[in-house]
Protein backbone atom coordinates (compact mmCIF):
# COMPACT_ATOMS: atom_id res chain seq x y z
CA MET A 1 -23.90 12.24 -15.33
CA PHE A 2 -22.35 10.60 -12.23
CA GLN A 3 -19.79 9.07 -14.64
CA SER A 4 -17.96 12.24 -15.22
CA ILE A 5 -16.39 12.19 -11.83
CA ILE A 6 -16.25 8.29 -11.30
CA GLY A 7 -12.14 7.42 -11.59
CA LYS A 8 -11.24 11.43 -12.48
CA ASN A 9 -8.05 12.25 -11.01
CA GLY A 10 -8.66 14.75 -7.97
CA THR A 11 -6.77 17.63 -7.24
CA GLU A 12 -5.45 18.97 -3.79
CA SER A 13 -6.08 22.05 -2.05
CA PRO A 14 -2.72 22.05 0.16
CA GLU A 15 -3.67 25.60 1.81
CA PRO A 16 -6.89 26.30 3.75
CA VAL A 17 -10.01 27.39 1.86
CA LYS A 18 -12.51 29.30 3.58
CA ALA A 19 -16.16 27.99 3.18
CA GLU A 20 -19.13 30.22 2.00
CA VAL A 21 -21.54 29.29 5.06
CA THR A 22 -25.03 29.45 4.46
CA GLY A 23 -27.05 28.85 7.48
CA CYS A 24 -25.45 28.49 10.80
CA VAL A 25 -22.93 26.22 11.80
CA PRO A 26 -23.37 25.63 15.82
CA GLU A 27 -20.74 27.52 17.41
CA TRP A 28 -20.06 24.24 19.81
CA LEU A 29 -18.89 22.68 16.72
CA GLN A 30 -15.34 23.07 17.11
CA GLY A 31 -13.13 20.69 15.67
CA THR A 32 -11.80 18.73 12.22
CA LEU A 33 -13.36 15.94 10.24
CA LEU A 34 -10.88 14.05 8.43
CA ARG A 35 -12.09 11.98 5.40
CA ASN A 36 -10.06 9.38 3.17
CA GLY A 37 -10.74 7.53 -0.18
CA PRO A 38 -9.24 6.98 -3.40
CA GLY A 39 -8.39 10.18 -5.55
CA LEU A 40 -6.05 9.76 -8.15
CA PHE A 41 -6.56 6.81 -10.69
CA LYS A 42 -4.54 7.81 -13.68
CA VAL A 43 -0.55 8.35 -13.34
CA GLY A 44 1.00 9.09 -16.86
CA ASP A 45 -0.94 6.39 -19.38
CA THR A 46 -1.31 3.94 -17.09
CA GLU A 47 -4.81 3.51 -14.98
CA TYR A 48 -6.18 1.39 -12.04
CA ASN A 49 -8.81 -1.09 -12.95
CA HIS A 50 -10.98 -0.60 -9.68
CA TRP A 51 -12.16 2.34 -7.91
CA PHE A 52 -11.00 0.90 -4.43
CA ASP A 53 -7.17 1.11 -5.87
CA GLY A 54 -7.08 4.88 -6.42
CA MET A 55 -4.16 6.66 -4.48
CA ALA A 56 -5.40 8.27 -1.45
CA LEU A 57 -6.21 11.87 -1.08
CA ILE A 58 -6.97 13.10 2.39
CA HIS A 59 -9.26 15.88 3.10
CA SER A 60 -10.23 17.83 6.28
CA PHE A 61 -13.01 20.20 7.23
CA THR A 62 -12.02 22.47 9.88
CA PHE A 63 -15.13 23.81 12.14
CA LYS A 64 -13.86 27.16 13.91
CA ASP A 65 -16.21 29.89 15.41
CA GLY A 66 -18.84 29.19 12.99
CA ASP A 67 -16.51 29.07 10.10
CA VAL A 68 -15.25 26.02 7.79
CA TYR A 69 -12.01 25.59 6.24
CA TYR A 70 -11.21 22.94 3.82
CA ARG A 71 -8.05 21.33 2.85
CA SER A 72 -6.72 18.37 0.77
CA LYS A 73 -3.51 16.43 0.19
CA PHE A 74 -2.67 13.29 -1.49
CA LEU A 75 -1.27 11.18 0.92
CA ARG A 76 2.70 11.24 0.29
CA SER A 77 3.14 7.21 0.67
CA ASP A 78 5.82 5.28 -0.60
CA THR A 79 3.36 4.09 -3.35
CA PHE A 80 2.75 7.91 -4.26
CA LYS A 81 6.12 8.24 -4.47
CA LYS A 82 7.28 5.64 -6.59
CA ASN A 83 4.33 6.12 -8.94
CA THR A 84 4.76 9.34 -9.58
CA GLN A 85 8.44 9.32 -10.31
CA ALA A 86 8.12 6.76 -12.68
CA ASN A 87 4.66 8.58 -14.44
CA LYS A 88 3.21 5.40 -14.48
CA ILE A 89 1.64 2.78 -11.89
CA VAL A 90 4.51 0.42 -10.76
CA VAL A 91 2.85 -0.80 -7.65
CA SER A 92 0.09 -3.36 -7.52
CA GLU A 93 -2.99 -2.73 -5.68
CA PHE A 94 -5.76 -5.07 -4.87
CA GLY A 95 -7.67 -4.92 -8.14
CA THR A 96 -4.71 -3.65 -10.51
CA MET A 97 -1.66 -6.33 -11.15
CA ILE A 98 1.31 -4.51 -12.06
CA TYR A 99 3.79 -7.46 -13.63
CA PRO A 100 7.66 -7.33 -13.40
CA ASP A 101 9.81 -6.98 -15.86
CA PRO A 102 10.48 -10.18 -17.59
CA CYS A 103 14.43 -9.08 -17.65
CA LYS A 104 14.24 -9.45 -13.91
CA ASN A 105 14.78 -12.51 -11.86
CA ILE A 106 11.63 -13.39 -10.74
CA PHE A 107 12.37 -16.69 -9.96
CA SER A 108 13.92 -15.25 -7.24
CA LYS A 109 11.10 -13.04 -6.26
CA ALA A 110 9.06 -16.03 -6.61
CA PHE A 111 10.80 -17.78 -3.92
CA SER A 112 10.95 -15.25 -1.18
CA TYR A 113 7.09 -14.68 -2.00
CA LEU A 114 6.54 -18.39 -1.23
CA LEU A 115 8.40 -17.94 1.79
CA ALA A 116 6.26 -14.88 3.03
CA ALA A 117 3.37 -16.61 1.85
CA ILE A 118 2.06 -13.51 1.05
CA PRO A 119 3.76 -10.34 -1.02
CA ASP A 120 4.71 -7.23 0.50
CA PHE A 121 2.23 -4.87 0.03
CA THR A 122 1.18 -1.40 -0.87
CA ASP A 123 1.23 1.63 1.85
CA ASN A 124 -1.79 3.28 -0.18
CA ASN A 125 -3.74 3.69 3.00
CA LEU A 126 -6.80 5.04 1.30
CA ILE A 127 -9.85 3.70 3.64
CA ASN A 128 -9.92 5.32 6.94
CA ILE A 129 -8.03 7.36 9.73
CA ILE A 130 -7.31 5.74 12.93
CA ARG A 131 -6.07 6.89 16.24
CA TYR A 132 -3.76 4.91 18.13
CA GLY A 133 -2.86 6.91 21.30
CA GLU A 134 -2.31 10.46 20.07
CA ASP A 135 -1.49 9.46 16.55
CA TYR A 136 -3.29 9.60 13.53
CA TYR A 137 -2.66 7.37 10.87
CA ALA A 138 -3.97 6.71 7.26
CA SER A 139 -4.89 3.05 7.00
CA SER A 140 -6.22 0.41 4.77
CA GLU A 141 -6.34 -3.54 5.37
CA VAL A 142 -2.37 -4.01 4.82
CA ASN A 143 0.49 -4.24 7.50
CA TYR A 144 1.23 -0.40 6.74
CA ILE A 145 -0.07 2.51 7.78
CA ASN A 146 0.98 6.24 7.35
CA GLN A 147 0.71 8.67 10.56
CA ILE A 148 -0.16 12.03 9.20
CA ASP A 149 -0.38 15.39 10.80
CA PRO A 150 -4.27 16.14 11.47
CA MET A 151 -3.65 19.88 10.62
CA THR A 152 -1.33 19.96 7.64
CA LEU A 153 -2.20 16.48 6.35
CA ASP A 154 1.23 15.92 6.06
CA VAL A 155 3.02 12.36 6.46
CA ILE A 156 5.22 12.24 9.74
CA GLY A 157 6.17 8.44 9.47
CA LYS A 158 5.50 5.12 7.62
CA MET A 159 4.68 2.12 10.45
CA ASN A 160 4.91 -1.42 9.76
CA TYR A 161 2.56 -3.45 12.01
CA ARG A 162 4.85 -6.32 11.96
CA ASN A 163 7.61 -4.39 13.48
CA HIS A 164 5.35 -4.19 16.83
CA ILE A 165 3.17 -7.37 16.32
CA ALA A 166 2.79 -10.23 14.42
CA LEU A 167 0.38 -9.36 11.55
CA ASN A 168 -0.03 -9.16 7.83
CA MET A 169 -3.14 -7.42 7.42
CA ALA A 170 -5.25 -5.22 9.90
CA THR A 171 -8.60 -3.82 9.53
CA SER A 172 -9.17 -0.08 9.43
CA HIS A 173 -12.29 0.00 11.74
CA PRO A 174 -10.90 0.09 15.18
CA HIS A 175 -12.88 0.22 17.91
CA TYR A 176 -12.40 2.79 20.83
CA ASP A 177 -13.19 2.26 24.71
CA ASP A 178 -14.31 4.92 27.29
CA GLU A 179 -11.14 5.42 28.38
CA GLY A 180 -9.68 6.06 24.76
CA ASN A 181 -8.00 2.68 24.24
CA THR A 182 -7.88 1.42 20.99
CA TYR A 183 -9.13 -2.06 19.95
CA ASN A 184 -8.32 -3.82 16.25
CA MET A 185 -8.11 -7.08 14.62
CA GLY A 186 -5.36 -8.55 12.31
CA THR A 187 -4.44 -11.74 10.33
CA ALA A 188 -1.39 -13.32 11.29
CA LEU A 189 -0.24 -15.88 8.21
CA MET A 190 2.18 -18.28 8.26
CA ARG A 191 5.09 -16.43 8.11
CA PHE A 192 4.82 -15.77 12.06
CA GLY A 193 4.09 -19.38 12.78
CA MET A 194 0.59 -21.04 12.96
CA PRO A 195 -1.97 -18.73 11.25
CA ASN A 196 -3.96 -16.87 13.36
CA TYR A 197 -6.75 -14.28 13.71
CA VAL A 198 -5.23 -11.44 16.24
CA ILE A 199 -7.16 -9.19 18.54
CA PHE A 200 -5.02 -6.38 19.97
CA LYS A 201 -5.05 -3.22 21.79
CA VAL A 202 -3.22 0.16 22.17
CA PRO A 203 -3.56 1.98 25.32
CA VAL A 204 -4.70 5.57 25.15
CA ASN A 205 -1.34 6.88 26.65
CA ALA A 206 0.94 5.00 24.05
CA SER A 207 2.26 8.26 22.18
CA ASP A 208 5.59 9.75 23.13
CA LYS A 209 5.71 12.64 21.14
CA GLU A 210 8.88 14.16 23.27
CA HIS A 211 10.98 11.27 21.90
CA LYS A 212 9.18 10.76 19.10
CA LYS A 213 8.12 7.02 19.89
CA PRO A 214 5.59 5.39 17.89
CA ALA A 215 2.16 4.57 19.87
CA LEU A 216 2.14 1.17 18.37
CA ARG A 217 5.37 0.07 20.71
CA LYS A 218 3.10 -0.08 23.58
CA VAL A 219 0.60 -2.90 21.63
CA LYS A 220 -0.57 -5.74 23.41
CA GLN A 221 -2.26 -8.83 21.94
CA VAL A 222 -5.28 -9.77 23.54
CA CYS A 223 -5.96 -13.03 21.99
CA ASN A 224 -5.41 -15.14 18.99
CA ILE A 225 -8.10 -17.30 17.34
CA PRO A 226 -6.95 -20.04 14.80
CA PHE A 227 -8.10 -20.45 11.21
CA ARG A 228 -10.74 -22.50 10.87
CA SER A 229 -9.39 -23.54 7.62
CA THR A 230 -5.65 -23.19 7.56
CA LEU A 231 -5.00 -22.23 4.10
CA PHE A 232 -8.35 -20.28 3.47
CA PRO A 233 -8.75 -17.58 6.17
CA SER A 234 -12.17 -15.23 6.49
CA TYR A 235 -11.86 -11.92 5.06
CA PHE A 236 -12.98 -9.66 7.27
CA HIS A 237 -13.15 -5.41 7.33
CA SER A 238 -14.63 -4.95 11.06
CA PHE A 239 -15.75 -6.45 13.99
CA GLY A 240 -17.98 -5.59 17.05
CA MET A 241 -17.23 -4.77 20.42
CA THR A 242 -19.28 -4.39 23.98
CA GLU A 243 -18.36 -3.38 27.58
CA ASN A 244 -16.64 -7.13 28.27
CA TYR A 245 -16.52 -8.91 24.63
CA ILE A 246 -15.15 -8.88 21.03
CA ILE A 247 -17.23 -10.07 18.49
CA PHE A 248 -15.45 -11.41 15.20
CA VAL A 249 -17.53 -13.09 12.37
CA GLU A 250 -15.62 -15.72 10.53
CA GLN A 251 -17.44 -15.46 7.00
CA PRO A 252 -17.26 -17.83 4.03
CA LEU A 253 -15.79 -14.75 1.93
CA LYS A 254 -12.15 -16.40 2.26
CA LEU A 255 -8.58 -15.68 0.92
CA ASP A 256 -6.66 -18.21 -1.02
CA ILE A 257 -3.29 -17.80 0.52
CA VAL A 258 -1.46 -20.33 -2.24
CA ARG A 259 -3.41 -18.25 -4.77
CA LEU A 260 -2.35 -14.73 -3.44
CA ALA A 261 1.37 -15.27 -2.41
CA THR A 262 1.74 -16.63 -6.70
CA ALA A 263 -0.87 -14.43 -7.97
CA ILE A 264 1.79 -12.40 -9.90
CA PHE A 265 3.07 -15.71 -11.60
CA ARG A 266 -0.40 -16.37 -12.80
CA SER A 267 -1.15 -13.35 -14.19
CA VAL A 268 -4.04 -12.53 -11.75
CA ASN A 269 -4.96 -9.79 -9.39
CA TRP A 270 -5.22 -10.12 -5.51
CA ALA A 271 -8.91 -9.49 -5.46
CA SER A 272 -9.44 -12.55 -7.60
CA CYS A 273 -8.07 -14.49 -4.64
CA LEU A 274 -11.27 -13.95 -2.71
CA ARG A 275 -13.78 -16.43 -2.90
CA TYR A 276 -17.04 -16.75 -1.54
CA ASP A 277 -18.47 -20.11 -0.42
CA LYS A 278 -22.11 -20.25 -0.38
CA GLU A 279 -22.43 -23.73 0.93
CA ASP A 280 -20.39 -23.01 4.04
CA ILE A 281 -21.53 -21.48 7.28
CA THR A 282 -20.87 -18.49 9.01
CA LEU A 283 -18.81 -19.01 12.50
CA ILE A 284 -19.39 -16.39 15.19
CA HIS A 285 -16.70 -15.93 17.73
CA LEU A 286 -17.15 -14.29 21.16
CA VAL A 287 -14.02 -13.26 23.13
CA ASP A 288 -13.75 -11.65 26.48
CA LYS A 289 -11.78 -8.48 26.38
CA THR A 290 -10.19 -9.07 29.79
CA THR A 291 -9.41 -12.69 29.60
CA GLY A 292 -8.65 -13.32 26.07
CA LYS A 293 -10.56 -16.36 25.96
CA ALA A 294 -13.09 -17.18 23.29
CA VAL A 295 -16.85 -18.12 24.75
CA SER A 296 -16.90 -22.17 24.41
CA THR A 297 -20.43 -22.08 22.59
CA LYS A 298 -20.45 -22.85 19.09
CA PHE A 299 -22.54 -19.77 17.41
CA TYR A 300 -23.14 -20.34 13.93
CA THR A 301 -25.36 -18.64 11.11
CA ASP A 302 -25.81 -19.43 7.51
CA ALA A 303 -23.63 -17.99 4.56
CA LEU A 304 -23.35 -14.20 4.54
CA VAL A 305 -20.93 -11.60 3.62
CA VAL A 306 -20.22 -8.53 5.90
CA PHE A 307 -18.22 -5.33 5.81
CA HIS A 308 -19.51 -3.35 8.43
CA HIS A 309 -20.77 -3.78 11.97
CA ILE A 310 -23.04 -0.93 13.31
CA ASN A 311 -23.06 -1.61 16.86
CA ALA A 312 -22.89 -4.50 19.77
CA PHE A 313 -24.27 -4.40 23.46
CA GLU A 314 -25.21 -6.50 26.64
CA ASP A 315 -28.66 -7.11 27.56
CA ASP A 316 -29.59 -9.33 30.50
CA GLY A 317 -27.46 -11.95 29.47
CA HIS A 318 -27.34 -11.90 25.92
CA VAL A 319 -24.80 -10.03 23.78
CA VAL A 320 -26.57 -8.28 20.94
CA PHE A 321 -24.83 -7.13 17.57
CA ASP A 322 -25.91 -5.65 14.66
CA MET A 323 -24.25 -5.51 11.00
CA VAL A 324 -24.91 -4.67 7.44
CA THR A 325 -25.13 -8.11 5.60
CA TYR A 326 -24.95 -9.43 2.01
CA LYS A 327 -26.30 -12.85 0.34
CA ASP A 328 -22.79 -12.79 -1.63
CA SER A 329 -19.76 -11.14 -2.58
CA ASN A 330 -21.08 -9.21 -5.47
CA LEU A 331 -20.53 -5.85 -4.46
CA TYR A 332 -17.04 -5.73 -4.75
CA GLU A 333 -17.22 -6.49 -8.34
CA MET A 334 -19.38 -3.41 -9.00
CA PHE A 335 -16.81 -0.97 -7.96
CA TYR A 336 -14.67 -2.01 -11.12
CA LEU A 337 -14.25 1.29 -12.88
CA ALA A 338 -15.22 -0.22 -16.08
CA ASN A 339 -18.74 -0.87 -14.19
CA LEU A 340 -19.13 2.54 -12.68
CA ARG A 341 -18.30 4.22 -15.92
CA LYS A 342 -21.38 2.74 -17.42
CA GLU A 343 -24.58 4.48 -18.14
CA THR A 344 -26.93 4.05 -15.44
CA HIS A 345 -29.53 2.48 -17.21
CA GLU A 346 -26.74 0.16 -18.18
CA PHE A 347 -25.45 -0.29 -15.17
CA ILE A 348 -28.64 -1.16 -13.72
CA GLU A 349 -29.45 -3.56 -16.42
CA SER A 350 -26.03 -5.16 -15.84
CA ASN A 351 -25.95 -5.53 -12.07
CA ASN A 352 -29.58 -5.82 -10.90
CA VAL A 353 -30.05 -9.31 -11.25
CA ASN A 354 -26.81 -10.11 -9.39
CA PHE A 355 -27.46 -7.07 -7.24
CA SER A 356 -27.51 -8.28 -3.35
CA PRO A 357 -28.68 -5.34 -1.25
CA PRO A 358 -27.51 -4.41 2.07
CA VAL A 359 -29.57 -5.82 4.75
CA CYS A 360 -28.96 -4.44 8.32
CA GLN A 361 -29.38 -7.68 10.69
CA ARG A 362 -29.64 -8.24 14.34
CA PHE A 363 -27.73 -11.23 15.99
CA VAL A 364 -28.63 -12.46 19.44
CA LEU A 365 -26.22 -14.71 21.41
CA PRO A 366 -27.15 -16.09 24.63
CA LEU A 367 -24.01 -16.10 27.35
CA THR A 368 -25.49 -18.61 29.42
CA VAL A 369 -26.03 -21.99 27.94
CA ASP A 370 -27.51 -25.28 29.42
CA LYS A 371 -26.09 -28.21 27.14
CA ASP A 372 -29.17 -30.14 28.53
CA THR A 373 -31.63 -27.72 26.74
CA PRO A 374 -33.75 -29.93 24.20
CA LYS A 375 -32.94 -29.49 20.38
CA GLY A 376 -34.92 -26.82 18.59
CA THR A 377 -35.05 -24.53 21.95
CA ASN A 378 -34.80 -20.71 21.06
CA LEU A 379 -32.82 -19.62 23.65
CA VAL A 380 -33.11 -15.99 23.56
CA ARG A 381 -35.10 -14.17 26.18
CA LEU A 382 -35.24 -10.69 24.91
CA LYS A 383 -38.72 -9.45 24.27
CA ASP A 384 -37.90 -6.62 22.01
CA THR A 385 -36.42 -8.87 19.11
CA THR A 386 -37.56 -11.46 16.84
CA ALA A 387 -33.92 -12.84 16.55
CA LYS A 388 -33.47 -16.48 17.77
CA THR A 389 -30.62 -18.59 18.53
CA VAL A 390 -31.82 -22.20 18.90
CA MET A 391 -29.74 -25.08 20.46
CA GLN A 392 -28.79 -27.98 17.77
CA GLY A 393 -28.43 -31.65 18.32
CA ASP A 394 -24.53 -31.36 18.84
CA GLY A 395 -24.76 -28.45 21.31
CA SER A 396 -24.14 -25.74 19.06
CA LEU A 397 -26.37 -22.44 18.59
CA TYR A 398 -27.61 -21.78 15.31
CA CYS A 399 -28.49 -17.86 14.93
CA LEU A 400 -31.43 -16.59 13.22
CA PRO A 401 -31.23 -12.91 12.86
CA GLU A 402 -33.82 -10.01 12.69
CA THR A 403 -33.97 -8.37 9.76
CA ILE A 404 -34.02 -4.21 10.95
CA PHE A 405 -33.50 -2.55 7.74
CA GLU A 406 -32.64 -2.71 4.24
CA GLY A 407 -30.42 -0.48 1.86
CA LEU A 408 -28.30 1.24 4.19
CA GLU A 409 -24.55 1.03 4.22
CA LEU A 410 -21.62 2.96 5.70
CA PRO A 411 -23.73 2.71 9.07
CA GLY A 412 -22.41 5.14 11.93
CA ILE A 413 -23.87 6.12 15.26
CA ASN A 414 -23.36 8.59 18.18
CA TYR A 415 -20.25 6.83 19.07
CA LYS A 416 -20.71 7.67 22.84
CA PHE A 417 -23.20 4.49 22.60
CA ASN A 418 -21.00 2.28 21.22
CA GLY A 419 -21.12 -0.88 22.82
CA LYS A 420 -23.93 -0.08 24.57
CA LYS A 421 -27.48 -0.28 23.99
CA TYR A 422 -28.56 2.10 21.30
CA ARG A 423 -31.59 3.40 19.40
CA TYR A 424 -30.20 5.20 15.98
CA PHE A 425 -28.02 5.00 13.11
CA TYR A 426 -27.15 6.87 9.79
CA GLY A 427 -26.16 5.51 6.95
CA SER A 428 -25.73 5.81 2.98
CA ARG A 429 -28.83 4.80 0.93
CA VAL A 430 -27.94 1.75 -1.59
CA GLU A 431 -30.32 1.37 -4.29
CA TRP A 432 -29.47 -0.64 -7.23
CA THR A 433 -26.34 1.41 -7.85
CA PRO A 434 -22.76 1.85 -5.74
CA HIS A 435 -23.72 5.63 -6.12
CA PRO A 436 -25.12 6.87 -2.72
CA ASN A 437 -27.58 10.16 -3.17
CA LYS A 438 -29.12 9.98 -0.36
CA ILE A 439 -28.23 9.46 3.37
CA GLY A 440 -30.68 8.43 6.15
CA LYS A 441 -31.65 7.65 9.87
CA GLY A 442 -33.15 4.56 11.02
CA ASP A 443 -34.96 4.28 14.35
CA ILE A 444 -34.60 0.64 15.63
CA VAL A 445 -37.33 0.86 17.85
CA THR A 446 -40.20 2.35 15.65
CA ARG A 447 -38.70 1.34 12.41
CA LYS A 448 -39.14 4.48 10.79
CA TYR A 449 -36.86 6.03 8.30
CA ILE A 450 -35.76 9.74 7.45
CA GLU A 451 -33.51 10.85 4.75
CA TRP A 452 -31.65 13.78 3.13
CA THR A 453 -31.26 14.07 -0.67
CA GLU A 454 -30.99 16.71 -3.51
CA GLU A 455 -31.18 16.58 -7.03
CA ASP A 456 -27.51 15.96 -8.58
CA CYS A 457 -25.85 15.61 -4.95
CA TYR A 458 -23.96 12.61 -3.81
CA PRO A 459 -23.51 12.79 -0.07
CA SER A 460 -20.72 10.99 1.74
CA GLU A 461 -20.89 8.96 4.59
CA PRO A 462 -22.56 10.71 7.45
CA VAL A 463 -20.72 11.26 10.67
CA PHE A 464 -22.47 11.91 13.99
CA VAL A 465 -21.21 14.61 16.20
CA ALA A 466 -23.21 15.06 19.69
CA THR A 467 -24.08 18.18 20.98
CA PRO A 468 -21.99 19.13 24.52
CA GLY A 469 -23.64 17.56 27.47
CA ALA A 470 -26.42 16.07 25.27
CA VAL A 471 -28.35 13.36 27.13
CA GLU A 472 -30.55 12.31 24.26
CA GLU A 473 -28.96 9.85 21.90
CA ASP A 474 -29.59 11.64 18.66
CA ASP A 475 -28.88 15.36 20.02
CA GLY A 476 -26.12 16.54 17.92
CA VAL A 477 -25.29 17.09 13.73
CA ILE A 478 -24.83 15.10 11.39
CA LEU A 479 -21.85 15.91 9.02
CA SER A 480 -21.54 15.06 5.06
CA SER A 481 -19.35 16.15 2.17
CA VAL A 482 -21.20 16.66 -0.80
CA VAL A 483 -20.25 16.32 -4.56
CA SER A 484 -22.63 17.86 -7.08
CA LEU A 485 -22.88 17.13 -10.65
CA ASN A 486 -24.10 20.34 -11.55
CA PRO A 487 -21.51 22.41 -12.35
CA LYS A 488 -23.09 25.56 -11.22
CA LYS A 489 -23.07 24.19 -7.68
CA SER A 490 -20.09 23.98 -5.39
CA PRO A 491 -19.08 20.99 -3.30
CA PHE A 492 -20.35 21.44 0.02
CA MET A 493 -20.08 20.30 3.70
CA LEU A 494 -23.91 19.64 4.57
CA VAL A 495 -24.73 20.35 8.24
CA LEU A 496 -27.82 18.40 9.41
CA ASN A 497 -29.86 18.35 12.82
CA ALA A 498 -29.92 14.50 13.51
CA LYS A 499 -33.19 14.66 15.33
CA THR A 500 -34.93 15.67 12.38
CA PHE A 501 -32.43 15.77 9.13
CA GLU A 502 -33.30 19.00 8.23
CA GLU A 503 -30.64 21.56 6.81
CA ILE A 504 -28.85 23.77 9.60
CA ALA A 505 -26.01 24.90 7.16
CA ARG A 506 -23.88 24.16 3.94
CA ALA A 507 -20.29 25.54 3.39
CA SER A 508 -19.85 25.72 -0.24
CA ILE A 509 -16.30 25.49 -1.41
CA ASP A 510 -14.62 26.91 -3.82
CA ALA A 511 -12.28 23.51 -4.44
CA SER A 512 -12.35 20.42 -6.01
CA ILE A 513 -13.50 17.59 -3.83
CA HIS A 514 -13.83 14.14 -4.54
CA MET A 515 -15.78 11.13 -3.44
CA ASP A 516 -14.32 9.13 -0.06
CA LEU A 517 -14.69 6.21 2.06
CA HIS A 518 -14.35 6.86 5.88
CA GLY A 519 -13.18 9.39 8.47
CA HIS A 520 -12.87 10.44 11.97
CA PHE A 521 -13.92 13.68 13.80
CA ILE A 522 -11.26 15.05 15.87
CA PRO A 523 -12.67 17.82 18.59
CA THR A 524 -10.53 20.72 19.14
CA GLN A 525 -9.42 19.73 22.56
CA GLU A 526 -7.72 16.68 20.81
CA HIS A 527 -6.33 18.80 18.36
CA GLN A 528 -4.45 20.57 21.39
CA LEU A 529 -2.87 17.25 22.43
CA THR A 530 -1.32 16.57 19.15
């Protein structure tokens, strides 16, 4: 059963393992797919409470001349070193709070925590791989990131955003423009003055390997957005970007700052400091990338929860953006290990009443708004969507989204179409359980859907890689690492034709592979820069 691999410690394969390829890996597919996710859940006699707490295990799949090579290493973060040296979990994670020795002077710690408004976080960067300049970093959602060598997976150095820009937290889902610049968002809390959401940019030429200077030294702040509620900033996992705009969704899933700062003394974990206000609204901020100024129009929609944006683009005087939404915040609760280890029928029985399926929705924001427009008027002029934006009596605009598809998460696209009008997206199928056993492709124009599935197999987030010189949006391959519950079937890297979702090749690997979260494909020419 799936429960046999959930929460089980992964193992490393620090030296390259050559996979056994069946089918034919396209010769043009040259590069390395880096993947990141939780891989170590028990240390000594101690165990994490939540799947998102496990210590990071990074793995790579290198494609070279039709062959595939696998390698994996635990991220040698300070958290990893402290836990393994102590042979127990000594560093708190989001869902697992480690309480201090009562003999220590916890009152002085309490005072310093309250001054900072937020405790010093773990550097267990288990969510994604980010590129800044020519450097690659394992990332989570805190102020620490760890630079890694994409070939050896060794840690080069630990970075602190706060040494370069006033941030307490930053997302693991940045955007890259056509020039290679990186845009990201973070949260600055009270320690740095007035609390704000911060949008920032790291130029493509920020790296200086000769003098070993960090890419973040060239970070530039694009703009600040004040919190709607000073002590309750919105949680956010990603954001949208078009050619000219940043889209930030300030949702009513909020972080209680006072509760966060005092969590350890209240005997609660940090996850409990998030709360969802279903009676609130969701604000949508539109920021000009060049000027850093937010559009003055107030766009809003009903209460929702969003983790992943799919894509955004501009079309005939409108900003269109698609994202995966939920009606509540119960998804996080499903990933507590005690929940995941339930038998499938028990899991479904205990969760399907509260299960909020992921819904891919399209929102449309008109860029030109006449304040004299009569109340109740729909300002969306596009003919290929049923999404509406309706004028309210106070001049604000209420957004009614169009539902594109239900049941897909971990969305990905052909990134050459990021910020541009697009047609296809790929994702993991979610049906009554957080265990993905299907990956799919959605066609936004025809609303058709195709999928890949295989018995006892659990594929990771699908990653699109375009055929060199491709013109058509879905001309390329889909890559997904697959874990099998069948002991007679080795884990494998799956290569699909992105047009048809037919299998082109699979690379079976004689090594242990863990389930992961997100990743980044590095073409061979980028390797040569690093």
